PDB file of N, CA and C in Angstrom:
ATOM      1  N   MET A   1     -62.053-174.741 -88.549  1.00  0.00           N
ATOM      2  CA  MET A   1     -62.237-173.623 -89.814  1.00  0.00           C
ATOM      3  C   MET A   1     -61.469-172.552 -90.548  1.00  0.00           C
ATOM      4  N   ALA A   2     -60.396-172.946 -91.164  1.00  0.00           N
ATOM      5  CA  ALA A   2     -59.485-171.839 -91.137  1.00  0.00           C
ATOM      6  C   ALA A   2     -59.256-171.483 -93.038  1.00  0.00           C
ATOM      7  N   ALA A   3     -58.365-170.171 -92.829  1.00  0.00           N
ATOM      8  CA  ALA A   3     -57.938-170.242 -94.057  1.00  0.00           C
ATOM      9  C   ALA A   3     -56.607-170.517 -94.952  1.00  0.00           C
ATOM     10  N   ILE A   4     -56.249-170.706 -95.859  1.00  0.00           N
ATOM     11  CA  ILE A   4     -55.320-171.412 -96.119  1.00  0.00           C
ATOM     12  C   ILE A   4     -54.876-170.541 -97.309  1.00  0.00           C
ATOM     13  N   SER A   5     -53.447-170.384 -97.420  1.00  0.00           N
ATOM     14  CA  SER A   5     -52.929-169.449 -98.341  1.00  0.00           C
ATOM     15  C   SER A   5     -51.255-170.341 -98.918  1.00  0.00           C
ATOM     16  N   SER A   6     -50.645-170.177 -99.866  1.00  0.00           N
ATOM     17  CA  SER A   6     -49.651-170.852-100.437  1.00  0.00           C
ATOM     18  C   SER A   6     -48.450-169.552-100.936  1.00  0.00           C
ATOM     19  N   ALA A   7     -47.234-169.129-100.835  1.00  0.00           N
ATOM     20  CA  ALA A   7     -46.838-168.804-101.913  1.00  0.00           C
ATOM     21  C   ALA A   7     -45.579-169.072-102.434  1.00  0.00           C
ATOM     22  N   ARG A   8     -44.340-169.206-102.915  1.00  0.00           N
ATOM     23  CA  ARG A   8     -43.382-169.671-103.587  1.00  0.00           C
ATOM     24  C   ARG A   8     -42.617-168.524-102.264  1.00  0.00           C
ATOM     25  N   THR A   9     -42.082-169.825-101.697  1.00  0.00           N
ATOM     26  CA  THR A   9     -40.962-169.376-100.798  1.00  0.00           C
ATOM     27  C   THR A   9     -39.796-167.893-101.216  1.00  0.00           C
ATOM     28  N   ASP A  10     -39.527-167.597-102.309  1.00  0.00           N
ATOM     29  CA  ASP A  10     -38.884-166.426-102.770  1.00  0.00           C
ATOM     30  C   ASP A  10     -39.659-165.599-102.878  1.00  0.00           C
ATOM     31  N   ASN A  11     -41.168-165.503-102.520  1.00  0.00           N
ATOM     32  CA  ASN A  11     -41.747-164.468-102.433  1.00  0.00           C
ATOM     33  C   ASN A  11     -42.185-163.686-101.324  1.00  0.00           C
ATOM     34  N   ALA A  12     -41.391-162.728-100.718  1.00  0.00           N
ATOM     35  CA  ALA A  12     -41.100-162.534 -99.208  1.00  0.00           C
ATOM     36  C   ALA A  12     -42.355-161.295 -99.390  1.00  0.00           C
ATOM     37  N   PRO A  13     -42.560-160.618-100.191  1.00  0.00           N
ATOM     38  CA  PRO A  13     -43.461-159.669-100.292  1.00  0.00           C
ATOM     39  C   PRO A  13     -44.836-160.427-100.007  1.00  0.00           C
ATOM     40  N   SER A  14     -45.498-161.439-100.511  1.00  0.00           N
ATOM     41  CA  SER A  14     -46.334-162.199 -99.990  1.00  0.00           C
ATOM     42  C   SER A  14     -46.915-162.595 -99.158  1.00  0.00           C
ATOM     43  N   LEU A  15     -45.840-163.710 -98.570  1.00  0.00           N
ATOM     44  CA  LEU A  15     -45.641-164.017 -97.315  1.00  0.00           C
ATOM     45  C   LEU A  15     -45.232-162.981 -96.451  1.00  0.00           C
ATOM     46  N   ALA A  16     -45.158-162.106 -96.802  1.00  0.00           N
ATOM     47  CA  ALA A  16     -45.432-160.932 -95.578  1.00  0.00           C
ATOM     48  C   ALA A  16     -46.311-160.500 -95.402  1.00  0.00           C
ATOM     49  N   VAL A  17     -47.161-160.116 -96.207  1.00  0.00           N
ATOM     50  CA  VAL A  17     -48.525-159.941 -95.946  1.00  0.00           C
ATOM     51  C   VAL A  17     -49.505-160.715 -95.348  1.00  0.00           C
ATOM     52  N   SER A  18     -49.391-162.139 -95.553  1.00  0.00           N
ATOM     53  CA  SER A  18     -50.304-163.073 -95.005  1.00  0.00           C
ATOM     54  C   SER A  18     -49.384-163.629 -93.907  1.00  0.00           C
ATOM     55  N   ARG A  19     -48.517-162.864 -93.380  1.00  0.00           N
ATOM     56  CA  ARG A  19     -48.007-162.762 -91.695  1.00  0.00           C
ATOM     57  C   ARG A  19     -48.213-161.723 -91.367  1.00  0.00           C
ATOM     58  N   ARG A  20     -48.882-160.723 -92.088  1.00  0.00           N
ATOM     59  CA  ARG A  20     -49.415-159.360 -91.252  1.00  0.00           C
ATOM     60  C   ARG A  20     -50.800-159.538 -91.058  1.00  0.00           C
ATOM     61  N   LEU A  21     -51.296-160.571 -91.746  1.00  0.00           N
ATOM     62  CA  LEU A  21     -52.641-160.538 -91.719  1.00  0.00           C
ATOM     63  C   LEU A  21     -52.740-161.595 -90.313  1.00  0.00           C
ATOM     64  N   GLY A  22     -51.917-162.455 -90.059  1.00  0.00           N
ATOM     65  CA  GLY A  22     -52.157-163.223 -88.627  1.00  0.00           C
ATOM     66  C   GLY A  22     -51.926-164.954 -89.487  1.00  0.00           C
ATOM     67  N   TYR A  23     -51.971-165.371 -90.781  1.00  0.00           N
ATOM     68  CA  TYR A  23     -51.554-166.585 -90.626  1.00  0.00           C
ATOM     69  C   TYR A  23     -49.908-167.172 -90.569  1.00  0.00           C
ATOM     70  N   VAL A  24     -49.936-168.236 -89.964  1.00  0.00           N
ATOM     71  CA  VAL A  24     -48.599-168.940 -89.615  1.00  0.00           C
ATOM     72  C   VAL A  24     -48.556-170.317 -90.852  1.00  0.00           C
ATOM     73  N   ASP A  25     -47.292-170.253 -90.734  1.00  0.00           N
ATOM     74  CA  ASP A  25     -46.307-171.271 -91.228  1.00  0.00           C
ATOM     75  C   ASP A  25     -47.502-172.733 -91.054  1.00  0.00           C
ATOM     76  N   ASN A  26     -47.447-173.245 -92.039  1.00  0.00           N
ATOM     77  CA  ASN A  26     -48.458-174.586 -92.371  1.00  0.00           C
ATOM     78  C   ASN A  26     -47.376-175.594 -93.104  1.00  0.00           C
ATOM     79  N   GLY A  27     -46.586-175.383 -93.379  1.00  0.00           N
ATOM     80  CA  GLY A  27     -45.595-176.899 -94.060  1.00  0.00           C
ATOM     81  C   GLY A  27     -45.435-176.304 -95.401  1.00  0.00           C
ATOM     82  N   VAL A  28     -44.293-176.941 -95.965  1.00  0.00           N
ATOM     83  CA  VAL A  28     -43.670-176.232 -97.250  1.00  0.00           C
ATOM     84  C   VAL A  28     -43.655-177.338 -97.792  1.00  0.00           C
ATOM     85  N   SER A  29     -44.026-177.550 -99.281  1.00  0.00           N
ATOM     86  CA  SER A  29     -44.402-178.493-100.582  1.00  0.00           C
ATOM     87  C   SER A  29     -43.375-178.285-101.998  1.00  0.00           C
ATOM     88  N   LEU A  30     -43.278-178.819-102.660  1.00  0.00           N
ATOM     89  CA  LEU A  30     -42.548-178.627-103.678  1.00  0.00           C
ATOM     90  C   LEU A  30     -43.659-178.524-104.978  1.00  0.00           C
ATOM     91  N   THR A  31     -43.462-177.785-106.417  1.00  0.00           N
ATOM     92  CA  THR A  31     -44.693-177.785-107.356  1.00  0.00           C
ATOM     93  C   THR A  31     -43.240-177.323-108.751  1.00  0.00           C
ATOM     94  N   ASN A  32     -43.840-178.198-109.504  1.00  0.00           N
ATOM     95  CA  ASN A  32     -43.308-177.886-110.938  1.00  0.00           C
ATOM     96  C   ASN A  32     -44.040-176.521-111.750  1.00  0.00           C
ATOM     97  N   THR A  33     -42.971-175.799-111.961  1.00  0.00           N
ATOM     98  CA  THR A  33     -43.190-174.543-113.295  1.00  0.00           C
ATOM     99  C   THR A  33     -42.761-174.420-114.200  1.00  0.00           C
ATOM    100  N   PRO A  34     -43.062-173.759-115.198  1.00  0.00           N
ATOM    101  CA  PRO A  34     -42.016-173.084-116.406  1.00  0.00           C
ATOM    102  C   PRO A  34     -40.850-173.499-116.619  1.00  0.00           C
ATOM    103  N   THR A  35     -40.391-172.512-115.344  1.00  0.00           N
ATOM    104  CA  THR A  35     -39.153-172.828-115.139  1.00  0.00           C
ATOM    105  C   THR A  35     -37.975-173.482-114.034  1.00  0.00           C
ATOM    106  N   GLY A  36     -39.088-174.685-113.388  1.00  0.00           N
ATOM    107  CA  GLY A  36     -38.094-175.715-113.109  1.00  0.00           C
ATOM    108  C   GLY A  36     -39.157-175.778-111.732  1.00  0.00           C
ATOM    109  N   VAL A  37     -38.264-176.340-110.910  1.00  0.00           N
ATOM    110  CA  VAL A  37     -38.811-176.719-109.522  1.00  0.00           C
ATOM    111  C   VAL A  37     -38.876-176.121-108.568  1.00  0.00           C
ATOM    112  N   ALA A  38     -40.235-175.205-107.983  1.00  0.00           N
ATOM    113  CA  ALA A  38     -40.159-174.088-106.710  1.00  0.00           C
ATOM    114  C   ALA A  38     -40.817-174.753-105.815  1.00  0.00           C
ATOM    115  N   GLN A  39     -40.102-173.892-104.229  1.00  0.00           N
ATOM    116  CA  GLN A  39     -40.677-174.703-102.792  1.00  0.00           C
ATOM    117  C   GLN A  39     -42.062-173.497-102.754  1.00  0.00           C
ATOM    118  N   LEU A  40     -43.234-174.092-102.506  1.00  0.00           N
ATOM    119  CA  LEU A  40     -44.017-173.456-101.842  1.00  0.00           C
ATOM    120  C   LEU A  40     -44.268-173.302-100.338  1.00  0.00           C
ATOM    121  N   GLN A  41     -44.202-172.079 -99.802  1.00  0.00           N
ATOM    122  CA  GLN A  41     -44.945-171.967 -98.085  1.00  0.00           C
ATOM    123  C   GLN A  41     -45.810-172.130 -98.226  1.00  0.00           C
ATOM    124  N   HIS A  42     -46.549-172.537 -97.408  1.00  0.00           N
ATOM    125  CA  HIS A  42     -48.420-172.806 -96.955  1.00  0.00           C
ATOM    126  C   HIS A  42     -48.724-172.423 -95.703  1.00  0.00           C
ATOM    127  N   LEU A  43     -49.610-171.868 -95.481  1.00  0.00           N
ATOM    128  CA  LEU A  43     -49.695-170.775 -94.490  1.00  0.00           C
ATOM    129  C   LEU A  43     -51.653-170.644 -94.337  1.00  0.00           C
ATOM    130  N   ARG A  44     -51.651-170.884 -92.714  1.00  0.00           N
ATOM    131  CA  ARG A  44     -53.067-171.114 -92.023  1.00  0.00           C
ATOM    132  C   ARG A  44     -53.332-169.979 -91.035  1.00  0.00           C
ATOM    133  N   LEU A  45     -55.040-169.973 -91.396  1.00  0.00           N
ATOM    134  CA  LEU A  45     -55.652-168.470 -90.795  1.00  0.00           C
ATOM    135  C   LEU A  45     -56.491-169.215 -90.047  1.00  0.00           C
ATOM    136  N   THR A  46     -56.834-169.145 -88.488  1.00  0.00           N
ATOM    137  CA  THR A  46     -57.626-169.828 -88.298  1.00  0.00           C
ATOM    138  C   THR A  46     -58.488-168.579 -87.820  1.00  0.00           C
ATOM    139  N   ARG A  47     -60.019-168.880 -87.748  1.00  0.00           N
ATOM    140  CA  ARG A  47     -60.918-167.709 -87.593  1.00  0.00           C
ATOM    141  C   ARG A  47     -60.594-167.428 -86.293  1.00  0.00           C
ATOM    142  N   GLU A  48     -60.196-168.607 -85.178  1.00  0.00           N
ATOM    143  CA  GLU A  48     -59.848-167.571 -83.759  1.00  0.00           C
ATOM    144  C   GLU A  48     -59.082-167.064 -83.628  1.00  0.00           C
ATOM    145  N   ARG A  49     -57.930-167.001 -84.595  1.00  0.00           N
ATOM    146  CA  ARG A  49     -56.764-166.099 -84.584  1.00  0.00           C
ATOM    147  C   ARG A  49     -56.939-164.768 -85.384  1.00  0.00           C
ATOM    148  N   TRP A  50     -57.955-164.751 -85.725  1.00  0.00           N
ATOM    149  CA  TRP A  50     -58.090-163.122 -87.092  1.00  0.00           C
ATOM    150  C   TRP A  50     -59.236-162.767 -86.374  1.00  0.00           C
ATOM    151  N   LEU A  51     -59.936-163.151 -85.671  1.00  0.00           N
ATOM    152  CA  LEU A  51     -61.089-162.591 -84.767  1.00  0.00           C
ATOM    153  C   LEU A  51     -59.696-161.784 -83.304  1.00  0.00           C
ATOM    154  N   ALA A  52     -58.862-163.228 -82.769  1.00  0.00           N
ATOM    155  CA  ALA A  52     -57.759-162.205 -81.517  1.00  0.00           C
ATOM    156  C   ALA A  52     -57.038-161.138 -82.223  1.00  0.00           C
ATOM    157  N   ASP A  53     -56.487-160.709 -83.290  1.00  0.00           N
ATOM    158  CA  ASP A  53     -56.185-159.470 -83.476  1.00  0.00           C
ATOM    159  C   ASP A  53     -56.629-158.387 -84.186  1.00  0.00           C
ATOM    160  N   GLU A  54     -56.555-157.183 -84.075  1.00  0.00           N
ATOM    161  CA  GLU A  54     -57.392-156.271 -84.886  1.00  0.00           C
ATOM    162  C   GLU A  54     -56.339-155.557 -86.166  1.00  0.00           C
ATOM    163  N   HIS A  55     -57.608-155.773 -87.361  1.00  0.00           N
ATOM    164  CA  HIS A  55     -57.098-155.784 -88.242  1.00  0.00           C
ATOM    165  C   HIS A  55     -57.990-154.350 -88.915  1.00  0.00           C
ATOM    166  N   ASP A  56     -57.458-153.389 -90.014  1.00  0.00           N
ATOM    167  CA  ASP A  56     -58.233-152.797 -90.897  1.00  0.00           C
ATOM    168  C   ASP A  56     -58.010-152.764 -92.126  1.00  0.00           C
ATOM    169  N   VAL A  57     -58.865-154.018 -92.260  1.00  0.00           N
ATOM    170  CA  VAL A  57     -58.941-154.520 -93.877  1.00  0.00           C
ATOM    171  C   VAL A  57     -60.090-154.237 -94.170  1.00  0.00           C
ATOM    172  N   ARG A  58     -60.499-153.991 -95.419  1.00  0.00           N
ATOM    173  CA  ARG A  58     -61.472-153.232 -96.255  1.00  0.00           C
ATOM    174  C   ARG A  58     -61.555-153.916 -97.848  1.00  0.00           C
ATOM    175  N   VAL A  59     -62.785-154.319 -97.703  1.00  0.00           N
ATOM    176  CA  VAL A  59     -63.213-155.014 -99.016  1.00  0.00           C
ATOM    177  C   VAL A  59     -64.083-154.013-100.031  1.00  0.00           C
ATOM    178  N   SER A  60     -63.709-153.921-101.351  1.00  0.00           N
ATOM    179  CA  SER A  60     -64.623-153.466-102.085  1.00  0.00           C
ATOM    180  C   SER A  60     -64.605-153.760-103.543  1.00  0.00           C
ATOM    181  N   GLY A  61     -65.638-153.529-104.068  1.00  0.00           N
ATOM    182  CA  GLY A  61     -66.289-154.221-105.466  1.00  0.00           C
ATOM    183  C   GLY A  61     -66.840-155.372-105.146  1.00  0.00           C
ATOM    184  N   ALA A  62     -67.381-157.163-103.928  1.00  0.00           N
ATOM    185  CA  ALA A  62     -67.378-157.745-103.906  1.00  0.00           C
ATOM    186  C   ALA A  62     -69.253-157.722-104.157  1.00  0.00           C
ATOM    187  N   GLU A  63     -69.887-157.185-104.072  1.00  0.00           N
ATOM    188  CA  GLU A  63     -71.212-157.035-104.731  1.00  0.00           C
ATOM    189  C   GLU A  63     -71.557-157.470-106.035  1.00  0.00           C
ATOM    190  N   ALA A  64     -70.666-157.900-106.946  1.00  0.00           N
ATOM    191  CA  ALA A  64     -70.341-158.320-108.318  1.00  0.00           C
ATOM    192  C   ALA A  64     -70.645-159.640-108.014  1.00  0.00           C
ATOM    193  N   CYS A  65     -69.615-160.362-107.122  1.00  0.00           N
ATOM    194  CA  CYS A  65     -69.749-162.088-106.934  1.00  0.00           C
ATOM    195  C   CYS A  65     -70.340-162.467-106.037  1.00  0.00           C
ATOM    196  N   LEU A  66     -71.488-161.544-105.127  1.00  0.00           N
ATOM    197  CA  LEU A  66     -71.994-162.530-103.910  1.00  0.00           C
ATOM    198  C   LEU A  66     -72.530-163.468-104.298  1.00  0.00           C
ATOM    199  N   SER A  67     -72.969-163.397-105.452  1.00  0.00           N
ATOM    200  CA  SER A  67     -74.018-164.596-105.534  1.00  0.00           C
ATOM    201  C   SER A  67     -73.395-165.979-105.930  1.00  0.00           C
ATOM    202  N   TRP A  68     -72.241-165.449-106.413  1.00  0.00           N
ATOM    203  CA  TRP A  68     -71.116-166.869-106.549  1.00  0.00           C
ATOM    204  C   TRP A  68     -70.668-167.279-105.116  1.00  0.00           C
ATOM    205  N   PHE A  69     -70.929-166.969-103.909  1.00  0.00           N
ATOM    206  CA  PHE A  69     -71.200-167.947-102.543  1.00  0.00           C
ATOM    207  C   PHE A  69     -72.301-167.575-101.776  1.00  0.00           C
ATOM    208  N   GLY A  70     -73.235-167.597-102.565  1.00  0.00           N
ATOM    209  CA  GLY A  70     -74.768-167.819-102.420  1.00  0.00           C
ATOM    210  C   GLY A  70     -75.316-166.827-101.059  1.00  0.00           C
ATOM    211  N   LEU A  71     -74.751-165.669-101.538  1.00  0.00           N
ATOM    212  CA  LEU A  71     -74.657-164.125-100.423  1.00  0.00           C
ATOM    213  C   LEU A  71     -76.075-163.365-100.737  1.00  0.00           C
ATOM    214  N   GLY A  72     -76.110-163.643-102.272  1.00  0.00           N
ATOM    215  CA  GLY A  72     -77.298-162.605-102.869  1.00  0.00           C
ATOM    216  C   GLY A  72     -76.574-161.872-104.071  1.00  0.00           C
ATOM    217  N   GLY A  73     -76.816-160.722-104.353  1.00  0.00           N
ATOM    218  CA  GLY A  73     -76.320-160.469-105.524  1.00  0.00           C
ATOM    219  C   GLY A  73     -76.970-160.643-106.690  1.00  0.00           C
ATOM    220  N   THR A  74     -76.575-160.034-107.637  1.00  0.00           N
ATOM    221  CA  THR A  74     -76.967-160.352-108.707  1.00  0.00           C
ATOM    222  C   THR A  74     -75.534-160.989-110.183  1.00  0.00           C
ATOM    223  N   GLU A  75     -75.773-162.007-110.589  1.00  0.00           N
ATOM    224  CA  GLU A  75     -74.956-163.201-111.589  1.00  0.00           C
ATOM    225  C   GLU A  75     -74.388-161.860-112.512  1.00  0.00           C
ATOM    226  N   THR A  76     -72.949-162.320-113.497  1.00  0.00           N
ATOM    227  CA  THR A  76     -72.942-161.345-114.466  1.00  0.00           C
ATOM    228  C   THR A  76     -72.421-162.081-115.101  1.00  0.00           C
TER     229      THR A  76
END
């Protein structure tokens, strides 16, 4: 099981956040955009890697969408 993310290769801040959370590079692909072709860097974070690192991550406001994930709550 793994979380997958992608960002344009020229989006250093986004890639830095992902890598800080423990994501590792997982290939590059090309995508068409309104301004032309762009490179996407794909990243992967396994459950084992997430659990191995210490994180100070907080989630707020998730209650409104819990039912979308089958976790209870109310639909809006």
